[in-house]
Amino acid sequence: MEISAKMVKELRDATGAGMMDCKKALKECDGDADKAVEYLRKKGIASAAKKEGRETGQGIVGHYIHMGGKVGVLVEVACETDFVARTDDFQEFVHNVAMHIAAAAPAAVSRDEVDGAVIEKEREIYVAQMKEQGKPDNIIDKIVEGKVDKYYSEIVLLEQKYVKDPDMTVEDYLKSIIGSLGENMQIKRFARFQIGS
């Protein structure tokens, strides 16, 4: 099948992957855009995994102000080199993450930053709910673990559905950028400010 420049551009816009990667993905998937996205995500995640653990001493602090100054976000995203930190793709990623934080109001970057006492309290509430509903003890634990995982997916930035593409999590988005830019990156920390909260 003939892969047109328009198809490549649309895939690039959808995934943020490099032009050559997009062209290769479309060829591998016989021009099927959905399969090509999946192909790139798998490839990006695979190549991102190889880069984990590499030192991230550069990066930028991005910001986003929303609703006429009612919500503001600062986010620190680190990468390996100053060269990548200055690229449009990296800066767009940082901006998009800041915008996501403004919209989704996560409580922490990752699970290990969530206060254990908060999770225990949630767990107690879920156990009480299950007992109230008359669920048998032998399945309560399993249900509660599922509810705790769902709670994490609502409050942990990396596990939240990415607001601009709910088919992926913020972590999937991060890994796709790592794959396309070829450097390890980390969302280090953020601060979200909202008037009246």
C-alpha atoms as a PDB file:
ATOM      1  CA  MET A   1       0.000   0.000   0.000  1.00  0.00           C
ATOM      2  CA  GLU A   2       1.198   3.535  -0.805  1.00  0.00           C
ATOM      3  CA  ILE A   3       1.880   5.555   2.379  1.00  0.00           C
ATOM      4  CA  SER A   4       1.111   9.222   1.737  1.00  0.00           C
ATOM      5  CA  ALA A   5       2.750  12.198   3.458  1.00  0.00           C
ATOM      6  CA  LYS A   6      -0.711  13.150   4.785  1.00  0.00           C
ATOM      7  CA  MET A   7      -1.058   9.750   6.511  1.00  0.00           C
ATOM      8  CA  VAL A   8       2.406  10.132   8.044  1.00  0.00           C
ATOM      9  CA  LYS A   9       1.627  13.664   9.248  1.00  0.00           C
ATOM     10  CA  GLU A  10      -1.682  12.591  10.813  1.00  0.00           C
ATOM     11  CA  LEU A  11       0.023   9.730  12.651  1.00  0.00           C
ATOM     12  CA  ARG A  12       2.816  12.043  13.805  1.00  0.00           C
ATOM     13  CA  ASP A  13       0.240  14.576  15.091  1.00  0.00           C
ATOM     14  CA  ALA A  14      -1.607  11.796  16.919  1.00  0.00           C
ATOM     15  CA  THR A  15       1.438  10.177  18.525  1.00  0.00           C
ATOM     16  CA  GLY A  16       4.259  12.720  18.618  1.00  0.00           C
ATOM     17  CA  ALA A  17       6.575  10.071  17.141  1.00  0.00           C
ATOM     18  CA  GLY A  18       9.240  10.922  14.551  1.00  0.00           C
ATOM     19  CA  MET A  19       8.360  11.064  10.816  1.00  0.00           C
ATOM     20  CA  MET A  20      10.461   8.008   9.900  1.00  0.00           C
ATOM     21  CA  ASP A  21       9.000   6.009  12.810  1.00  0.00           C
ATOM     22  CA  CYS A  22       5.480   6.946  11.660  1.00  0.00           C
ATOM     23  CA  LYS A  23       6.210   5.946   8.065  1.00  0.00           C
ATOM     24  CA  LYS A  24       7.697   2.614   9.185  1.00  0.00           C
ATOM     25  CA  ALA A  25       4.724   1.940  11.496  1.00  0.00           C
ATOM     26  CA  LEU A  26       2.237   2.615   8.678  1.00  0.00           C
ATOM     27  CA  LYS A  27       4.159   0.306   6.342  1.00  0.00           C
ATOM     28  CA  GLU A  28       4.269  -2.441   8.997  1.00  0.00           C
ATOM     29  CA  CYS A  29       0.519  -2.073   9.569  1.00  0.00           C
ATOM     30  CA  ASP A  30      -0.564  -1.817   5.891  1.00  0.00           C
ATOM     31  CA  GLY A  31      -1.668   1.797   6.318  1.00  0.00           C
ATOM     32  CA  ASP A  32      -4.029   1.046   9.228  1.00  0.00           C
ATOM     33  CA  ALA A  33      -3.683   4.164  11.440  1.00  0.00           C
ATOM     34  CA  ASP A  34      -5.102   2.540  14.603  1.00  0.00           C
ATOM     35  CA  LYS A  35      -2.751  -0.433  14.355  1.00  0.00           C
ATOM     36  CA  ALA A  36       0.141   1.967  13.623  1.00  0.00           C
ATOM     37  CA  VAL A  37      -0.609   3.915  16.820  1.00  0.00           C
ATOM     38  CA  GLU A  38      -0.567   0.654  18.795  1.00  0.00           C
ATOM     39  CA  TYR A  39       2.670  -0.388  17.037  1.00  0.00           C
ATOM     40  CA  LEU A  40       4.338   2.936  17.941  1.00  0.00           C
ATOM     41  CA  ARG A  41       3.110   2.812  21.529  1.00  0.00           C
ATOM     42  CA  LYS A  42       4.518  -0.700  21.961  1.00  0.00           C
ATOM     43  CA  LYS A  43       7.778   0.376  20.320  1.00  0.00           C
ATOM     44  CA  GLY A  44       7.925   3.564  22.383  1.00  0.00           C
ATOM     45  CA  ILE A  45       7.222   1.773  25.613  1.00  0.00           C
ATOM     46  CA  ALA A  46       9.802  -0.905  24.761  1.00  0.00           C
ATOM     47  CA  SER A  47      12.483   1.659  23.978  1.00  0.00           C
ATOM     48  CA  ALA A  48      11.468   3.745  27.020  1.00  0.00           C
ATOM     49  CA  ALA A  49      12.042   0.740  29.278  1.00  0.00           C
ATOM     50  CA  LYS A  50      15.655   0.494  28.051  1.00  0.00           C
ATOM     51  CA  LYS A  51      16.250   4.119  29.057  1.00  0.00           C
ATOM     52  CA  GLU A  52      14.904   3.845  32.612  1.00  0.00           C
ATOM     53  CA  GLY A  53      17.586   4.382  35.215  1.00  0.00           C
ATOM     54  CA  ARG A  54      19.660   6.738  33.073  1.00  0.00           C
ATOM     55  CA  GLU A  55      20.518  10.009  34.833  1.00  0.00           C
ATOM     56  CA  THR A  56      18.098  12.891  34.259  1.00  0.00           C
ATOM     57  CA  GLY A  57      20.030  16.007  35.297  1.00  0.00           C
ATOM     58  CA  GLN A  58      18.510  18.488  32.827  1.00  0.00           C
ATOM     59  CA  GLY A  59      14.968  19.601  32.058  1.00  0.00           C
ATOM     60  CA  ILE A  60      12.617  22.515  32.549  1.00  0.00           C
ATOM     61  CA  VAL A  61       9.958  23.848  34.877  1.00  0.00           C
ATOM     62  CA  GLY A  62       6.800  24.345  32.842  1.00  0.00           C
ATOM     63  CA  HIS A  63       3.682  26.257  33.748  1.00  0.00           C
ATOM     64  CA  TYR A  64       0.054  26.556  32.774  1.00  0.00           C
ATOM     65  CA  ILE A  65      -2.549  29.107  33.851  1.00  0.00           C
ATOM     66  CA  HIS A  66      -6.226  28.302  33.276  1.00  0.00           C
ATOM     67  CA  MET A  67      -9.651  29.939  33.632  1.00  0.00           C
ATOM     68  CA  GLY A  68      -8.429  33.535  33.621  1.00  0.00           C
ATOM     69  CA  GLY A  69      -5.943  32.944  36.404  1.00  0.00           C
ATOM     70  CA  LYS A  70      -8.160  30.801  38.637  1.00  0.00           C
ATOM     71  CA  VAL A  71      -5.985  27.663  38.311  1.00  0.00           C
ATOM     72  CA  GLY A  72      -2.197  27.570  37.913  1.00  0.00           C
ATOM     73  CA  VAL A  73       0.326  24.732  37.650  1.00  0.00           C
ATOM     74  CA  LEU A  74       4.109  24.474  37.881  1.00  0.00           C
ATOM     75  CA  VAL A  75       5.661  21.155  36.846  1.00  0.00           C
ATOM     76  CA  GLU A  76       9.282  19.996  36.790  1.00  0.00           C
ATOM     77  CA  VAL A  77      10.134  17.511  34.044  1.00  0.00           C
ATOM     78  CA  ALA A  78      13.691  16.180  33.818  1.00  0.00           C
ATOM     79  CA  CYS A  79      15.579  14.719  30.867  1.00  0.00           C
ATOM     80  CA  GLU A  80      19.173  13.667  30.181  1.00  0.00           C
ATOM     81  CA  THR A  81      20.479  16.578  28.102  1.00  0.00           C
ATOM     82  CA  ASP A  82      19.962  20.307  27.749  1.00  0.00           C
ATOM     83  CA  PHE A  83      19.682  19.730  23.983  1.00  0.00           C
ATOM     84  CA  VAL A  84      16.464  17.696  24.406  1.00  0.00           C
ATOM     85  CA  ALA A  85      15.149  20.099  27.075  1.00  0.00           C
ATOM     86  CA  ARG A  86      15.224  22.881  24.456  1.00  0.00           C
ATOM     87  CA  THR A  87      13.349  20.918  21.755  1.00  0.00           C
ATOM     88  CA  ASP A  88       9.804  21.896  20.819  1.00  0.00           C
ATOM     89  CA  ASP A  89       8.598  18.302  21.370  1.00  0.00           C
ATOM     90  CA  PHE A  90       9.910  18.222  24.956  1.00  0.00           C
ATOM     91  CA  GLN A  91       8.514  21.659  25.770  1.00  0.00           C
ATOM     92  CA  GLU A  92       5.146  20.743  24.269  1.00  0.00           C
ATOM     93  CA  PHE A  93       5.113  17.588  26.420  1.00  0.00           C
ATOM     94  CA  VAL A  94       5.825  19.635  29.576  1.00  0.00           C
ATOM     95  CA  HIS A  95       3.088  22.115  28.645  1.00  0.00           C
ATOM     96  CA  ASN A  96       0.600  19.287  27.997  1.00  0.00           C
ATOM     97  CA  VAL A  97       1.416  17.676  31.360  1.00  0.00           C
ATOM     98  CA  ALA A  98       0.912  21.023  33.134  1.00  0.00           C
ATOM     99  CA  MET A  99      -2.430  21.425  31.328  1.00  0.00           C
ATOM    100  CA  HIS A 100      -3.426  17.869  32.331  1.00  0.00           C
ATOM    101  CA  ILE A 101      -2.582  18.624  35.992  1.00  0.00           C
ATOM    102  CA  ALA A 102      -4.738  21.778  35.861  1.00  0.00           C
ATOM    103  CA  ALA A 103      -7.676  19.754  34.513  1.00  0.00           C
ATOM    104  CA  ALA A 104      -7.326  16.465  36.428  1.00  0.00           C
ATOM    105  CA  ALA A 105      -5.999  17.733  39.810  1.00  0.00           C
ATOM    106  CA  PRO A 106      -3.834  14.715  40.744  1.00  0.00           C
ATOM    107  CA  ALA A 107      -2.603  14.422  44.340  1.00  0.00           C
ATOM    108  CA  ALA A 108       0.821  12.869  43.612  1.00  0.00           C
ATOM    109  CA  VAL A 109       3.133  11.957  40.733  1.00  0.00           C
ATOM    110  CA  SER A 110       3.367   8.248  41.615  1.00  0.00           C
ATOM    111  CA  ARG A 111       1.907   5.722  44.086  1.00  0.00           C
ATOM    112  CA  ASP A 112       4.900   5.866  46.413  1.00  0.00           C
ATOM    113  CA  GLU A 113       4.210   9.581  47.052  1.00  0.00           C
ATOM    114  CA  VAL A 114       0.669   8.910  48.303  1.00  0.00           C
ATOM    115  CA  ASP A 115       0.384   8.961  52.098  1.00  0.00           C
ATOM    116  CA  GLY A 116      -0.120   5.381  53.336  1.00  0.00           C
ATOM    117  CA  ALA A 117      -2.601   6.620  55.956  1.00  0.00           C
ATOM    118  CA  VAL A 118      -4.864   7.973  53.169  1.00  0.00           C
ATOM    119  CA  ILE A 119      -4.864   4.588  51.428  1.00  0.00           C
ATOM    120  CA  GLU A 120      -5.552   2.743  54.689  1.00  0.00           C
ATOM    121  CA  LYS A 121      -8.521   5.037  55.351  1.00  0.00           C
ATOM    122  CA  GLU A 122      -9.878   4.357  51.837  1.00  0.00           C
ATOM    123  CA  ARG A 123      -9.366   0.623  52.364  1.00  0.00           C
ATOM    124  CA  GLU A 124     -11.321   0.749  55.664  1.00  0.00           C
ATOM    125  CA  ILE A 125     -14.186   2.588  53.947  1.00  0.00           C
ATOM    126  CA  TYR A 126     -14.301   0.037  51.106  1.00  0.00           C
ATOM    127  CA  VAL A 127     -14.260  -2.913  53.541  1.00  0.00           C
ATOM    128  CA  ALA A 128     -17.124  -1.339  55.507  1.00  0.00           C
ATOM    129  CA  GLN A 129     -19.089  -0.765  52.269  1.00  0.00           C
ATOM    130  CA  MET A 130     -18.609  -4.382  51.170  1.00  0.00           C
ATOM    131  CA  LYS A 131     -19.698  -5.713  54.576  1.00  0.00           C
ATOM    132  CA  GLU A 132     -22.716  -3.396  54.483  1.00  0.00           C
ATOM    133  CA  GLN A 133     -23.616  -4.879  51.076  1.00  0.00           C
ATOM    134  CA  GLY A 134     -23.342  -8.383  52.557  1.00  0.00           C
ATOM    135  CA  LYS A 135     -20.407  -9.520  50.431  1.00  0.00           C
ATOM    136  CA  PRO A 136     -18.733 -12.740  51.641  1.00  0.00           C
ATOM    137  CA  ASP A 137     -15.419 -12.247  53.492  1.00  0.00           C
ATOM    138  CA  ASN A 138     -13.487 -14.429  51.032  1.00  0.00           C
ATOM    139  CA  ILE A 139     -14.080 -11.982  48.148  1.00  0.00           C
ATOM    140  CA  ILE A 140     -13.983  -8.684  50.046  1.00  0.00           C
ATOM    141  CA  ASP A 141     -10.167  -8.436  49.863  1.00  0.00           C
ATOM    142  CA  LYS A 142     -10.156  -8.885  46.100  1.00  0.00           C
ATOM    143  CA  ILE A 143     -12.888  -6.266  45.584  1.00  0.00           C
ATOM    144  CA  VAL A 144     -11.165  -3.839  47.960  1.00  0.00           C
ATOM    145  CA  GLU A 145      -7.819  -4.193  46.115  1.00  0.00           C
ATOM    146  CA  GLY A 146      -9.616  -3.420  42.858  1.00  0.00           C
ATOM    147  CA  LYS A 147     -11.204  -0.326  44.418  1.00  0.00           C
ATOM    148  CA  VAL A 148      -7.833   0.810  45.818  1.00  0.00           C
ATOM    149  CA  ASP A 149      -6.264   0.439  42.350  1.00  0.00           C
ATOM    150  CA  LYS A 150      -9.117   2.506  40.894  1.00  0.00           C
ATOM    151  CA  TYR A 151      -8.570   5.154  43.585  1.00  0.00           C
ATOM    152  CA  TYR A 152      -4.870   5.321  42.680  1.00  0.00           C
ATOM    153  CA  SER A 153      -5.795   5.722  38.998  1.00  0.00           C
ATOM    154  CA  GLU A 154      -7.877   8.758  39.946  1.00  0.00           C
ATOM    155  CA  ILE A 155      -5.321  10.565  42.157  1.00  0.00           C
ATOM    156  CA  VAL A 156      -1.883   9.499  40.819  1.00  0.00           C
ATOM    157  CA  LEU A 157      -0.692  11.595  37.868  1.00  0.00           C
ATOM    158  CA  LEU A 158       1.110   8.781  36.014  1.00  0.00           C
ATOM    159  CA  GLU A 159      -1.924   6.481  36.286  1.00  0.00           C
ATOM    160  CA  GLN A 160      -4.580   9.025  35.295  1.00  0.00           C
ATOM    161  CA  LYS A 161      -6.155   8.843  31.840  1.00  0.00           C
ATOM    162  CA  TYR A 162      -4.441  11.548  29.797  1.00  0.00           C
ATOM    163  CA  VAL A 163      -7.057  14.288  29.252  1.00  0.00           C
ATOM    164  CA  LYS A 164      -6.143  14.878  25.586  1.00  0.00           C
ATOM    165  CA  ASP A 165      -6.194  11.130  24.781  1.00  0.00           C
ATOM    166  CA  PRO A 166      -8.115   9.000  27.315  1.00  0.00           C
ATOM    167  CA  ASP A 167      -6.969   5.821  25.529  1.00  0.00           C
ATOM    168  CA  MET A 168      -3.603   6.283  27.223  1.00  0.00           C
ATOM    169  CA  THR A 169      -2.422   7.126  30.721  1.00  0.00           C
ATOM    170  CA  VAL A 170      -0.028   9.979  31.449  1.00  0.00           C
ATOM    171  CA  GLU A 171       2.664   7.312  31.927  1.00  0.00           C
ATOM    172  CA  ASP A 172       1.925   5.901  28.431  1.00  0.00           C
ATOM    173  CA  TYR A 173       2.234   9.438  27.048  1.00  0.00           C
ATOM    174  CA  LEU A 174       5.546   9.930  28.898  1.00  0.00           C
ATOM    175  CA  LYS A 175       6.892   6.630  27.540  1.00  0.00           C
ATOM    176  CA  SER A 176       5.860   7.509  23.994  1.00  0.00           C
ATOM    177  CA  ILE A 177       7.833  10.782  24.260  1.00  0.00           C
ATOM    178  CA  ILE A 178      10.823   8.935  25.738  1.00  0.00           C
ATOM    179  CA  GLY A 179      10.613   6.587  22.757  1.00  0.00           C
ATOM    180  CA  SER A 180      10.408   9.371  20.188  1.00  0.00           C
ATOM    181  CA  LEU A 181      13.065  11.677  21.742  1.00  0.00           C
ATOM    182  CA  GLY A 182      15.403   8.843  22.749  1.00  0.00           C
ATOM    183  CA  GLU A 183      16.147  10.012  26.287  1.00  0.00           C
ATOM    184  CA  ASN A 184      15.021   9.032  29.740  1.00  0.00           C
ATOM    185  CA  MET A 185      12.602  11.553  31.256  1.00  0.00           C
ATOM    186  CA  GLN A 186      10.863  11.913  34.582  1.00  0.00           C
ATOM    187  CA  ILE A 187       8.016  14.023  35.832  1.00  0.00           C
ATOM    188  CA  LYS A 188       9.687  15.025  39.103  1.00  0.00           C
ATOM    189  CA  ARG A 189       7.109  17.134  40.931  1.00  0.00           C
ATOM    190  CA  PHE A 190       4.321  19.622  40.504  1.00  0.00           C
ATOM    191  CA  ALA A 191       2.366  22.257  42.368  1.00  0.00           C
ATOM    192  CA  ARG A 192      -1.252  23.092  41.525  1.00  0.00           C
ATOM    193  CA  PHE A 193      -2.861  26.267  42.784  1.00  0.00           C
ATOM    194  CA  GLN A 194      -6.578  27.007  42.671  1.00  0.00           C
ATOM    195  CA  ILE A 195      -8.328  30.141  43.877  1.00  0.00           C
ATOM    196  CA  GLY A 196     -10.593  29.392  46.817  1.00  0.00           C
ATOM    197  CA  SER A 197      -9.329  25.892  47.578  1.00  0.00           C
END
